[in-house]
Protein backbone atom coordinates (compact mmCIF):
# COMPACT_ATOMS: atom_id res chain seq x y z
CA MET A 1 -3.20 16.92 -3.76
CA ASN A 2 0.65 16.34 -2.93
CA LEU A 3 1.64 12.94 -3.00
CA ILE A 4 4.80 11.64 -0.68
CA ILE A 5 5.76 8.25 -1.66
CA ARG A 6 7.75 6.85 1.25
CA PRO A 7 11.30 4.79 0.45
CA GLN A 8 9.80 1.52 2.30
CA PHE A 9 7.15 1.15 0.04
CA TRP A 10 9.27 1.22 -2.97
CA SER A 11 10.86 -1.47 -1.29
CA ASP A 12 7.73 -3.49 -0.60
CA LEU A 13 7.13 -2.96 -4.13
CA GLU A 14 10.29 -4.20 -5.91
CA ALA A 15 10.15 -7.05 -3.42
CA GLY A 16 6.29 -8.03 -4.21
CA VAL A 17 6.80 -8.18 -7.69
CA ALA A 18 10.21 -9.95 -7.49
CA TYR A 19 8.32 -12.84 -5.18
CA LEU A 20 5.46 -12.69 -7.82
CA ALA A 21 7.04 -13.32 -10.59
CA GLU A 22 9.61 -16.25 -8.47
CA LYS A 23 6.49 -18.37 -7.35
CA ALA A 24 3.88 -17.26 -10.04
CA SER A 25 5.02 -15.44 -13.85
CA PRO A 26 6.89 -12.87 -14.59
CA GLU A 27 2.99 -11.66 -16.52
CA ILE A 28 1.37 -11.95 -12.66
CA ALA A 29 3.69 -9.41 -11.25
CA GLY A 30 3.44 -7.05 -13.49
CA GLN A 31 -0.24 -7.62 -12.77
CA TRP A 32 0.02 -7.11 -9.58
CA HIS A 33 2.61 -3.88 -9.22
CA ASP A 34 0.39 -1.94 -12.40
CA GLU A 35 -2.58 -2.48 -9.25
CA ILE A 36 -0.27 -1.32 -6.82
CA ILE A 37 -0.36 1.83 -9.07
CA ALA A 38 -3.52 2.20 -9.22
CA ALA A 39 -3.99 2.10 -5.74
CA VAL A 40 -2.17 4.79 -4.73
CA LYS A 41 -3.02 6.93 -7.63
CA ARG A 42 -6.54 6.27 -6.22
CA VAL A 43 -6.04 7.34 -3.20
CA GLU A 44 -4.05 10.32 -4.60
CA CYS A 45 -7.40 11.57 -6.19
CA ARG A 46 -9.64 10.36 -3.32
CA PRO A 47 -7.79 9.83 0.22
CA ASP A 48 -10.83 9.42 2.39
CA LEU A 49 -11.27 5.70 0.62
CA GLY A 50 -9.07 4.00 3.04
CA ARG A 51 -10.31 2.99 6.80
CA PRO A 52 -8.71 4.65 9.46
CA ARG A 53 -6.45 2.30 11.27
CA HIS A 54 -7.08 2.99 14.90
CA ASP A 55 -4.35 -0.13 15.58
CA LEU A 56 -1.21 1.45 14.18
CA VAL A 57 1.08 4.08 14.71
CA PRO A 58 1.77 6.75 13.83
CA ALA A 59 -1.70 7.99 14.39
CA GLY A 60 -3.60 9.12 10.91
CA ILE A 61 -2.39 5.58 8.99
CA ARG A 62 -5.03 4.34 7.04
CA SER A 63 -5.53 1.02 4.35
CA LEU A 64 -6.97 0.39 1.03
CA ILE A 65 -7.48 -2.92 0.29
CA ILE A 66 -6.17 -3.93 -3.06
CA HIS A 67 -9.14 -4.60 -5.71
CA ARG A 68 -7.69 -7.86 -7.77
CA TYR A 69 -5.18 -9.10 -4.83
CA HIS A 70 -7.30 -8.77 -1.65
CA ARG A 71 -4.84 -10.40 0.79
CA TYR A 72 -2.85 -6.88 0.32
CA LEU A 73 -3.29 -3.73 1.98
CA LEU A 74 -2.13 0.34 1.25
CA PHE A 75 -1.12 1.83 3.80
CA TYR A 76 -0.71 5.54 3.36
CA ARG A 77 -1.74 8.87 5.93
CA TRP A 78 -3.71 11.82 4.88
CA HIS A 79 -3.17 15.62 5.81
CA ASP A 80 -4.52 18.62 4.72
CA ASP A 81 -3.57 18.62 1.17
CA THR A 82 -0.93 15.92 1.55
CA VAL A 83 -0.98 11.81 0.95
CA GLU A 84 2.00 9.93 2.25
CA VAL A 85 2.00 6.41 0.95
CA LEU A 86 3.93 4.28 3.68
CA ARG A 87 3.77 0.56 2.78
CA ILE A 88 2.41 -2.07 0.32
CA LYS A 89 1.64 -5.52 2.79
CA GLN A 90 -0.22 -8.79 3.26
CA GLY A 91 -3.08 -7.79 5.57
CA MET A 92 -2.10 -11.13 7.20
CA MET A 93 1.14 -9.90 8.83
CA ASP A 94 1.35 -8.47 12.73
CA LEU A 95 0.25 -4.99 11.25
CA PRO A 96 1.06 -3.68 14.58
CA LYS A 97 4.62 -4.84 14.64
CA LEU A 98 5.24 -3.90 11.55
CA PHE A 99 4.79 -0.16 12.12
CA GLY A 100 5.37 0.26 15.47
């Protein structure tokens, strides 16, 4: 499986770590980071894990709930032998606006 990670994902990850380090603790921020990276590895191996998001554009976006941090969703697309990781965001955001 080919893995493409978009720059916006890295920006989201960095912002999330910085936020959690300030608002919670550096330890929590590190755990969150590790859980996000583990989720990326899971979808790389099993891209069918996430649910299709017909409410988001472009077509083909899927989302996966992050196990230990249920408010966060990993957004990605899967086609043929390629997984394209798009974003990591809280699911309570205006997601169609985020992707539209």
